[in-house]
Structure formats: structure tokens, C-alpha cells
Protein backbone atom coordinates (compact mmCIF):
# COMPACT_ATOMS: atom_id res chain seq x y z
CA MET A 1 -44.18 6.06 -14.97
CA GLU A 2 -47.38 4.66 -13.42
CA ARG A 3 -46.88 1.38 -15.26
CA LEU A 4 -43.30 1.15 -13.99
CA LEU A 5 -44.46 1.67 -10.41
CA GLU A 6 -47.12 -0.97 -10.95
CA TYR A 7 -44.52 -3.45 -12.26
CA LEU A 8 -42.31 -2.77 -9.23
CA LYS A 9 -45.23 -3.11 -6.83
CA VAL A 10 -46.25 -6.48 -8.25
CA ALA A 11 -42.60 -7.60 -8.37
CA PHE A 12 -42.10 -6.69 -4.71
CA ALA A 13 -45.26 -8.58 -3.72
CA ASN A 14 -44.11 -11.71 -5.59
CA LEU A 15 -40.65 -11.58 -4.02
CA LYS A 16 -42.14 -10.97 -0.57
CA SER A 17 -44.27 -14.10 -0.89
CA ASN A 18 -41.09 -16.19 -1.27
CA LYS A 19 -38.78 -14.48 1.21
CA LYS A 20 -36.40 -17.37 1.83
CA ARG A 21 -35.94 -18.18 -1.85
CA THR A 22 -35.53 -14.50 -2.70
CA PHE A 23 -32.85 -14.05 -0.06
CA LEU A 24 -30.92 -17.10 -1.22
CA THR A 25 -31.10 -15.78 -4.77
CA MET A 26 -29.77 -12.42 -3.59
CA LEU A 27 -26.94 -14.06 -1.68
CA GLY A 28 -24.75 -14.51 -4.75
CA ILE A 29 -25.18 -10.84 -5.66
CA ILE A 30 -24.51 -9.76 -2.07
CA ILE A 31 -21.30 -11.83 -1.87
CA GLY A 32 -20.07 -10.56 -5.23
CA ILE A 33 -20.72 -6.84 -4.58
CA SER A 34 -19.44 -6.94 -0.99
CA SER A 35 -16.28 -8.79 -2.05
CA VAL A 36 -15.43 -6.22 -4.74
CA ILE A 37 -16.04 -3.21 -2.49
CA MET A 38 -14.25 -4.82 0.46
CA ILE A 39 -11.18 -5.61 -1.64
CA LEU A 40 -11.03 -2.14 -3.20
CA ALA A 41 -11.49 -0.42 0.18
CA ALA A 42 -9.07 -2.63 2.11
CA GLY A 43 -6.63 -2.80 -0.81
CA GLY A 44 -6.59 0.99 -1.12
CA GLY A 45 -6.08 1.38 2.62
CA ALA A 46 -3.31 -1.22 2.71
CA LYS A 47 -1.63 0.39 -0.30
CA ASN A 48 -1.64 3.80 1.40
CA MET A 49 -0.30 2.29 4.61
CA ILE A 50 2.50 0.51 2.76
CA ASN A 51 3.39 3.70 0.88
CA ASP A 52 3.42 5.70 4.13
CA GLU A 53 5.67 3.14 5.81
CA LEU A 54 8.08 3.06 2.88
CA ASN A 55 8.04 6.85 2.54
CA SER A 56 8.91 7.22 6.22
CA VAL A 57 12.11 5.28 5.57
CA PHE A 58 13.04 5.99 1.96
CA SER A 59 11.50 9.39 1.16
CA GLY A 60 14.06 11.82 -0.21
CA MET A 61 16.68 9.14 -0.85
CA ILE A 62 18.55 9.17 -4.14
CA TYR A 63 21.08 6.54 -5.19
CA PHE A 64 23.83 8.04 -7.33
CA TYR A 65 25.96 5.32 -8.89
CA ILE A 66 28.58 4.59 -11.53
CA GLU A 67 26.82 3.07 -14.50
CA ASP A 68 29.81 2.72 -16.82
CA GLN A 69 33.32 2.78 -15.32
CA ASP A 70 35.00 3.53 -18.61
CA LYS A 71 32.73 6.44 -19.47
CA ALA A 72 32.92 7.80 -15.92
CA ASN A 73 36.74 7.69 -15.85
CA THR A 74 36.59 6.15 -12.38
CA LYS A 75 36.06 2.65 -10.97
CA GLU A 76 34.60 3.62 -7.60
CA PHE A 77 33.51 6.47 -5.38
CA THR A 78 35.57 7.40 -2.33
CA GLU A 79 35.07 9.57 0.73
CA ASP A 80 36.51 12.48 -1.26
CA ASP A 81 33.53 12.22 -3.59
CA ILE A 82 31.17 12.24 -0.62
CA ARG A 83 32.89 15.32 0.79
CA PHE A 84 32.71 16.93 -2.64
CA ILE A 85 28.93 16.56 -2.61
CA CYS A 86 28.60 17.70 1.00
CA ASP A 87 30.70 20.82 0.32
CA ASN A 88 28.65 21.67 -2.78
CA ALA A 89 25.28 20.36 -1.68
CA GLY A 90 23.25 23.44 -2.58
CA ASP A 91 19.54 23.91 -1.92
CA HIS A 92 17.23 21.03 -1.01
CA LEU A 93 20.15 18.57 -0.64
CA TYR A 94 20.97 17.69 2.96
CA GLY A 95 24.16 15.94 2.00
CA ALA A 96 25.61 12.59 1.01
CA THR A 97 26.60 9.49 2.91
CA GLN A 98 27.64 5.90 2.45
CA ASP A 99 24.90 3.42 1.74
CA SER A 100 26.24 1.13 4.43
CA SER A 101 24.40 -1.82 5.88
CA THR A 102 23.29 -2.22 9.49
CA LEU A 103 26.01 -4.00 11.47
CA ALA A 104 25.35 -6.37 14.37
CA ALA A 105 27.10 -5.44 17.62
CA LYS A 106 27.10 -5.89 21.40
CA ALA A 107 26.57 -3.19 24.02
CA ASP A 108 27.94 -3.60 27.56
CA THR A 109 26.48 -1.61 30.48
CA ILE A 110 26.05 -2.17 34.19
CA ARG A 111 22.63 -3.64 33.37
CA GLY A 112 24.14 -6.35 31.17
CA THR A 113 25.14 -7.17 27.59
CA TYR A 114 22.68 -6.55 24.76
CA ASP A 115 22.48 -7.21 21.05
CA ILE A 116 22.30 -3.94 19.12
CA TYR A 117 22.78 -2.62 15.59
CA VAL A 118 25.21 0.01 14.33
CA ASN A 119 24.56 2.41 11.44
CA THR A 120 27.47 4.41 10.08
CA GLY A 121 27.70 7.44 7.81
CA THR A 122 28.34 11.15 7.53
CA PRO A 123 26.35 13.82 9.42
CA ALA A 124 23.87 13.75 6.53
CA ARG A 125 22.62 10.42 7.83
CA GLU A 126 20.64 12.35 10.42
CA TYR A 127 18.01 12.92 7.73
CA GLN A 128 17.81 9.31 6.60
CA SER A 129 15.14 8.65 9.21
CA THR A 130 11.95 10.58 9.90
CA ASP A 131 12.41 9.80 13.61
CA LYS A 132 13.71 13.10 14.94
CA VAL A 133 16.57 13.70 17.36
CA VAL A 134 14.52 14.74 20.39
CA SER A 135 17.35 15.25 22.85
CA GLY A 136 20.94 16.39 22.34
CA ARG A 137 22.14 16.60 18.75
CA TYR A 138 23.57 14.64 15.84
CA PHE A 139 27.33 14.39 15.28
CA ASN A 140 28.78 17.19 13.15
CA PHE A 141 31.59 17.37 10.57
CA SER A 142 34.16 18.39 13.19
CA GLU A 143 33.46 15.17 15.06
CA TYR A 144 33.30 13.26 11.80
CA ASN A 145 36.73 14.57 10.69
CA ALA A 146 38.18 13.76 14.10
CA ALA A 147 36.64 10.26 14.11
CA ALA A 148 35.13 11.12 17.50
CA PRO A 149 33.80 8.11 19.48
CA VAL A 150 30.29 9.51 19.76
CA CYS A 151 26.88 8.05 19.00
CA VAL A 152 23.19 8.76 18.72
CA ILE A 153 20.83 6.14 20.14
CA THR A 154 17.08 5.56 20.15
CA GLU A 155 14.80 6.19 23.14
CA ALA A 156 13.96 2.49 23.26
CA LEU A 157 17.62 1.48 23.41
CA ALA A 158 18.38 4.12 26.07
CA LYS A 159 15.70 2.63 28.31
CA LYS A 160 17.00 -0.88 27.68
CA LEU A 161 20.65 -0.03 28.39
CA PHE A 162 20.22 2.46 31.25
CA GLY A 163 16.61 2.26 32.36
CA THR A 164 16.02 5.92 31.44
CA THR A 165 16.19 8.34 28.50
CA ASP A 166 18.28 10.80 30.53
CA VAL A 167 21.54 9.44 29.12
CA LEU A 168 23.23 12.37 27.34
CA GLY A 169 26.95 12.35 28.13
CA LYS A 170 26.94 8.75 29.35
CA SER A 171 29.31 6.22 27.85
CA PHE A 172 29.13 2.47 27.23
CA GLU A 173 31.21 -0.22 25.56
CA VAL A 174 30.29 -1.21 22.03
CA ASN A 175 31.82 -4.31 20.49
CA PHE A 176 31.63 -5.12 16.80
CA ASN A 177 34.03 -6.29 14.14
CA ASN A 178 35.89 -8.03 17.02
CA MET A 179 36.92 -4.69 18.54
CA SER A 180 35.60 -2.90 21.62
CA ASN A 181 35.50 0.84 22.27
CA GLU A 182 33.74 3.22 24.59
CA LEU A 183 31.23 5.53 22.91
CA THR A 184 29.66 8.67 24.36
CA ILE A 185 25.98 9.42 23.79
CA ILE A 186 25.40 12.90 22.32
CA GLY A 187 21.87 12.52 20.94
CA ILE A 188 18.66 10.52 21.27
CA ARG A 189 16.24 9.71 18.45
CA GLU A 190 12.56 9.26 19.13
CA THR A 191 11.24 5.73 18.77
CA LYS A 192 7.98 5.62 16.85
CA LYS A 193 5.82 2.58 17.26
CA SER A 194 5.62 0.65 14.01
CA ASN A 195 2.94 -1.99 13.49
CA GLY A 196 3.73 -5.50 12.32
CA VAL A 197 3.14 -4.77 8.63
CA GLY A 198 5.25 -1.63 8.68
CA ALA A 199 8.07 -3.28 10.58
CA ALA A 200 8.09 -6.24 8.21
CA LEU A 201 8.21 -3.98 5.16
CA THR A 202 10.83 -1.52 6.38
CA GLY A 203 12.94 -3.73 8.62
CA LYS A 204 12.74 -0.94 11.21
CA GLN A 205 14.83 -1.59 14.30
CA THR A 206 14.65 0.21 17.63
CA ASP A 207 17.92 -1.07 19.17
CA VAL A 208 20.13 1.07 16.94
CA ILE A 209 23.07 3.41 17.44
CA GLU A 210 24.49 5.73 14.80
CA ILE A 211 28.18 6.63 14.66
CA PRO A 212 30.47 8.48 12.23
CA TYR A 213 31.84 6.24 9.50
CA SER A 214 35.29 7.68 10.24
CA CYS A 215 34.97 6.38 13.81
CA ALA A 216 34.07 2.96 12.45
CA GLU A 217 37.20 3.10 10.29
CA ARG A 218 39.68 4.14 12.98
CA LYS A 219 38.13 2.55 16.08
CA TYR A 220 36.71 -0.63 14.57
CA GLY A 221 38.94 -1.30 11.60
CA LEU A 222 36.38 -0.87 8.82
CA ASP A 223 37.91 -0.20 5.43
CA GLU A 224 37.85 3.32 4.02
CA TYR A 225 34.69 3.74 2.03
CA LYS A 226 34.94 2.74 -1.60
CA GLY A 227 31.88 1.80 -3.57
CA PHE A 228 29.82 2.11 -6.70
CA ASP A 229 27.09 4.27 -5.19
CA ILE A 230 26.49 7.20 -2.87
CA LEU A 231 23.30 7.88 -0.97
CA LEU A 232 21.98 11.42 -1.41
CA LEU A 233 19.44 12.80 1.05
CA ALA A 234 17.17 15.54 -0.22
CA ASP A 235 13.71 17.06 -0.09
CA ASN A 236 11.53 14.48 -1.84
CA GLU A 237 9.72 16.99 -4.06
CA TYR A 238 13.06 18.30 -5.37
CA SER A 239 14.68 14.91 -5.95
CA LEU A 240 14.74 15.29 -9.75
CA GLU A 241 16.34 18.74 -9.55
CA VAL A 242 18.93 17.53 -7.02
CA SER A 243 19.69 14.42 -9.10
CA GLU A 244 20.40 16.46 -12.22
CA ARG A 245 22.55 18.93 -10.27
CA VAL A 246 24.74 16.20 -8.71
CA GLN A 247 25.08 14.44 -12.05
CA LYS A 248 26.35 17.64 -13.70
CA MET A 249 28.75 18.21 -10.79
CA PHE A 250 30.35 14.80 -11.31
CA GLU A 251 30.42 15.05 -15.07
CA SER A 252 32.39 18.27 -14.62
CA LYS A 253 34.61 16.82 -11.89
CA TYR A 254 35.59 13.76 -13.93
CA ASN A 255 35.52 15.62 -17.24
CA VAL A 256 32.80 13.36 -18.60
CA ARG A 257 30.64 14.41 -21.51
CA GLU A 258 29.17 11.05 -22.46
CA GLU A 259 25.71 9.98 -21.41
CA GLY A 260 25.35 6.83 -19.36
CA ALA A 261 28.46 7.39 -17.24
CA PHE A 262 26.55 7.94 -14.00
CA GLY A 263 23.13 6.65 -13.04
CA ILE A 264 20.51 7.95 -10.65
CA GLU A 265 17.68 6.13 -8.93
CA SER A 266 15.34 8.13 -6.72
CA TRP A 267 12.75 6.86 -4.29
CA THR A 268 10.14 8.91 -6.16
CA ASP A 269 10.69 6.77 -9.28
CA ALA A 270 10.61 3.55 -7.29
CA ALA A 271 7.47 4.64 -5.42
CA LYS A 272 5.59 5.09 -8.71
CA GLN A 273 6.53 1.56 -9.75
CA TYR A 274 5.45 0.09 -6.40
CA ASP A 275 2.18 2.03 -6.62
CA GLN A 276 1.49 0.62 -10.09
CA ILE A 277 2.24 -2.93 -8.91
CA LEU A 278 -0.08 -2.57 -5.91
CA ASN A 279 -2.84 -1.16 -8.13
CA ILE A 280 -2.49 -4.09 -10.53
CA ILE A 281 -2.65 -6.61 -7.68
CA THR A 282 -5.72 -4.93 -6.14
CA GLY A 283 -7.44 -4.73 -9.54
CA PHE A 284 -6.71 -8.38 -10.33
CA VAL A 285 -8.09 -9.59 -7.01
CA ALA A 286 -11.19 -7.39 -7.49
CA ILE A 287 -11.77 -8.91 -10.94
CA VAL A 288 -11.49 -12.42 -9.48
CA ALA A 289 -13.96 -11.47 -6.75
CA SER A 290 -16.38 -10.06 -9.33
CA ILE A 291 -16.73 -13.59 -10.77
CA ALA A 292 -19.06 -14.16 -7.81
CA LEU A 293 -21.37 -11.62 -9.44
CA LEU A 294 -21.64 -13.79 -12.53
CA VAL A 295 -22.44 -16.77 -10.35
CA GLY A 296 -25.08 -14.66 -8.61
CA GLY A 297 -26.49 -13.64 -11.99
CA ILE A 298 -26.83 -17.27 -13.04
CA GLY A 299 -28.63 -17.92 -9.76
CA VAL A 300 -31.07 -15.12 -10.59
CA MET A 301 -31.74 -16.66 -14.00
CA ASN A 302 -32.34 -20.11 -12.51
CA ILE A 303 -34.79 -18.83 -9.93
CA MET A 304 -36.61 -16.74 -12.50
CA LEU A 305 -36.96 -19.80 -14.73
CA VAL A 306 -38.42 -21.70 -11.78
CA SER A 307 -40.76 -18.78 -11.16
CA VAL A 308 -41.91 -18.84 -14.79
CA THR A 309 -42.70 -22.56 -14.49
CA GLU A 310 -44.57 -22.07 -11.21
CA ARG A 311 -46.58 -19.14 -12.58
CA THR A 312 -47.38 -20.55 -16.01
CA ARG A 313 -51.13 -20.66 -15.29
CA GLU A 314 -51.03 -17.12 -13.91
CA ILE A 315 -49.29 -15.94 -17.09
CA GLY A 316 -51.95 -17.69 -19.21
CA ILE A 317 -54.78 -15.99 -17.31
CA ARG A 318 -53.14 -12.56 -17.67
CA LYS A 319 -52.60 -13.04 -21.39
CA SER A 320 -56.17 -14.25 -21.91
CA LEU A 321 -57.37 -11.11 -20.14
CA GLY A 322 -55.48 -8.97 -22.63
CA ALA A 323 -52.01 -8.56 -21.09
CA LYS A 324 -49.53 -7.82 -23.82
CA THR A 325 -46.33 -9.78 -24.41
CA LYS A 326 -44.25 -6.70 -23.53
CA ALA A 327 -46.08 -6.30 -20.23
CA ILE A 328 -45.36 -9.91 -19.20
CA LYS A 329 -41.73 -9.50 -20.22
CA ARG A 330 -41.34 -6.25 -18.30
CA GLN A 331 -42.92 -7.79 -15.21
CA PHE A 332 -40.32 -10.55 -14.99
CA MET A 333 -37.52 -8.12 -15.85
CA ALA A 334 -38.70 -5.90 -12.98
CA GLU A 335 -38.49 -8.85 -10.57
CA ALA A 336 -34.98 -9.74 -11.71
CA GLY A 337 -33.89 -6.10 -11.47
CA MET A 338 -35.36 -5.72 -7.99
CA ILE A 339 -33.55 -8.85 -6.74
CA THR A 340 -30.18 -7.53 -7.93
CA LEU A 341 -30.89 -3.96 -6.80
CA ILE A 342 -31.77 -4.96 -3.24
CA GLY A 343 -28.91 -7.49 -3.19
CA GLY A 344 -26.57 -4.80 -4.48
CA VAL A 345 -27.53 -2.33 -1.73
CA ILE A 346 -27.04 -4.96 0.96
CA GLY A 347 -23.74 -5.99 -0.68
CA ILE A 348 -22.49 -2.40 -0.64
CA ILE A 349 -23.27 -2.03 3.08
CA VAL A 350 -21.64 -5.37 3.92
CA GLY A 351 -18.59 -4.52 1.75
CA LEU A 352 -18.12 -1.15 3.47
CA LEU A 353 -18.33 -2.77 6.91
CA LEU A 354 -15.92 -5.60 6.04
CA GLY A 355 -13.46 -3.22 4.39
CA THR A 356 -13.49 -1.03 7.50
CA LEU A 357 -13.01 -4.00 9.84
CA ILE A 358 -10.09 -5.39 7.82
CA CYS A 359 -8.37 -2.01 7.75
CA MET A 360 -8.89 -1.61 11.49
CA ALA A 361 -7.30 -5.03 12.02
CA ILE A 362 -4.14 -4.09 10.07
CA GLY A 363 -3.97 -0.51 11.30
CA ALA A 364 -4.85 1.12 7.97
CA THR A 365 -7.44 3.69 6.91
CA PRO A 366 -9.98 2.30 4.42
CA GLU A 367 -10.14 4.02 1.05
CA PHE A 368 -13.69 4.21 -0.25
CA SER A 369 -14.26 5.33 -3.82
CA VAL A 370 -17.70 6.71 -4.72
CA MET A 371 -17.01 5.81 -8.34
CA SER A 372 -16.25 2.16 -7.52
CA ILE A 373 -19.43 1.92 -5.42
CA LEU A 374 -21.51 3.39 -8.26
CA LEU A 375 -19.91 1.08 -10.81
CA ALA A 376 -20.53 -1.92 -8.57
CA SER A 377 -24.18 -0.89 -8.21
CA VAL A 378 -24.68 -0.38 -11.94
CA PHE A 379 -22.90 -3.64 -12.69
CA SER A 380 -25.10 -5.43 -10.17
CA CYS A 381 -28.32 -4.15 -11.77
CA GLY A 382 -26.92 -4.92 -15.22
CA ILE A 383 -26.17 -8.50 -14.21
CA GLY A 384 -29.74 -8.95 -12.98
CA LEU A 385 -31.31 -7.48 -16.09
CA PHE A 386 -29.02 -9.43 -18.40
CA PHE A 387 -29.69 -12.79 -16.76
CA GLY A 388 -33.39 -11.94 -16.42
CA ILE A 389 -33.86 -11.48 -20.17
CA TYR A 390 -34.18 -15.18 -21.03
CA PRO A 391 -36.69 -16.10 -18.29
CA ALA A 392 -38.71 -12.95 -19.05
CA LYS A 393 -38.73 -13.73 -22.77
CA LYS A 394 -39.75 -17.32 -22.10
CA ALA A 395 -42.63 -16.15 -19.92
CA ALA A 396 -43.77 -13.60 -22.49
CA MET A 397 -43.77 -16.13 -25.33
CA LEU A 398 -45.97 -18.70 -23.56
CA ASN A 399 -49.09 -19.73 -25.49
CA PRO A 400 -52.04 -18.60 -23.34
CA ILE A 401 -54.11 -21.73 -24.14
CA GLU A 402 -51.29 -24.11 -23.17
CA ALA A 403 -50.57 -21.97 -20.12
CA LEU A 404 -54.18 -22.24 -18.95
CA ARG A 405 -54.04 -26.04 -19.30
CA HIS A 406 -50.87 -26.18 -17.17
CA GLU A 407 -51.32 -27.61 -13.69
């Protein structure tokens, strides 16, 4: 132990005497370690942010579709099928609705004409968004069956159209599909602020109204719903149970006993795939960044070789005074290890700071892994020791007589 401390003490003194060169040697290690930790921290934070954004829009969604028309004994789903699910929803299933697209429209008020978007569906669509109805209510099945000209709008749109969120009971003209009708506001959804990344990923719009699909059919001439899939809305943790239940319901309804008639795709399954893809991307970028560590290791070896050349006479004197080959070797290994150790510590600190700053810039929370930091530290020391072996061996094998003659 005393010898080890002595090696480290001498190594520190030698490095201190060449501060500028030592720092430049450490720079490659610092860049490599900081890059790896920064990427893992920022990548983990970005991944969590992306998952949160996607979960806020797609969590609990299940796509139930016809996989084989012949086996399913039907070519398409209709509104009767949607009603069948809604009437027999059971636990943890909020209901079913059409997976309709967002339709462009115009809204006319005393303040002017504005571009808006229209979402249509059954009352179950209330649960398609995590933005809650904060005032009034969502349309119910009585209004849906009657094709009532009612709508739910966002807080942001209410302020744009009327200058206030106190708009329950007010009406305005909505024009889309080349038809215009007056709609009455019965509910208001909250408008959550979504950052640029989240908005880009989810396509989240604030200027949206939601109306019954039946109203869109009768008032705006949309065709009666017929399609290959139905959107189920359920508690996310029970998506598998709900999926199996709905599948059995339809197999019984259409008297189907063959597998592969109906297909199911839940957000939970898709989320796992996205998570794996993001992990692979983060890991790949981290591996690329770790190449800088190899470059730093080569820099350590080069400087240590220069040090051996500069200290040839010193090595000769030490060997002539009885220093063993192992002692010389360990001394140079200690110097290489100390360079990478100090560089690694600085790299960890820099990586943590950069990872935090990047996450702050994109609105994410950095994800720091103690294991990744430890691995980076061990890898850093390993790089230094590995690339310090050759210079240390070269120094240890010097002939003392030739070393003493060296000028």
C-alpha cells in the first residue's frame, strides 16, 4: 500500500511539472467520457419526454380491425358494431368510436372567420384526450342518437372566437364539407401547453371542436361510418384484457371460430416497440461517442512515449541505483492511470452539466444512471492502463548503461 501511494505521489509530481501537456492529454478522455454521459442522460430524458407526449395522446387506445374478411364473415364494420361494443363495454372499457381524421373547417363569429379543425365520434371520444372537460360536459348518447348540433371546444379556441372562456350555451356557424350549420357549445376542454417537440410528435392542435359523428352525417353530409377498424378507449393497464374480451364478443357475434379473423393493436404494444427503437438509437450514438475515448487513449500512449524518451537518463539512474524493472513499469502505469482517472472525473462532471443543459433546452428531465457513470469511469481507467502498458514496458526494459549515456 505504501509503495502504491509512493507511485501515485511521484506520478502526480511528474504530471504537475507539465501541466499544459497533461491537460491536453486528458482532453481526449474528458471529451469521450463527457460525450457518453451527456448522450445517455439527454437521450434518456428525451426518450421519457417523447413517451410522455405520446402516452398523453395514445394511452389506452386499441385498434380493433378486420384482418381477414372471409374468416370474419364481414367486409367492414358499421355503426351497429360500434353501438354493440358501447352497449357491452364492460369494465375498464370507456367505449368505442370511429377512428376518423381531423377535418379542416371554418368558424364564423362576430369577431371574424377562423380556420379550425373538427373531430367526430361517439361520446367515448371524450376519453381520447387527456385534456379534461373543465366546463360544461361532453355530448351524451341521447344527443348522439338525435344528431344534435352540439360541440365541445378548447379553451384556446373559445378565447379566439369569443374573447372569453365563458361561452357555454353560445352558438356559432361552422362550415366544412361545403355545408354550414350553427353549433351550440356545451363543453370546454382545457388547453395544455405543449412544447415544440411534443407538438411536432403528436400533431396536437388547440383550435379544435368535437361533434357527434351522427351530426356530421346529417348536418354535413358525411357518409355513414363504414371501415375496417374501430377505436377502443380503455384503461391502459387493462388493454390486453379489454382486447381479448372485445375479440371474443365479435367472434361470437359473427359466429367466427377461426383465428386470424380479427386483429388487435394496442398502444401498449406499440409503445414497447418505440421504446426499443429509442434505446437502440441512444446506444448507437453513445457507442459512436465512445470512439473519442479510444482517441484519448492513443493520446495518452503518445505522451507517455514522449515522457519515456525525455526521462531516459532518469530511468537509467534509478535502475543503476537498484530500482527493479517492475517498479519502473508500475511508475509509468501509475502516471497513465492518473491521467485517465482525473480526466474521467472531469469528463463525468462536464457530461452531467451538458446533459442537464440540453434537457433544460428541450424541456425534458435528464436521466442519470449511476451504473452508466460507473461503467464510464471504469472504462476510462481501463483505457489509460491499456494504452499505458507499452510505454511503461518500454521504459522498464531500457538498458541502464545506454540510458545513462542518453543526453
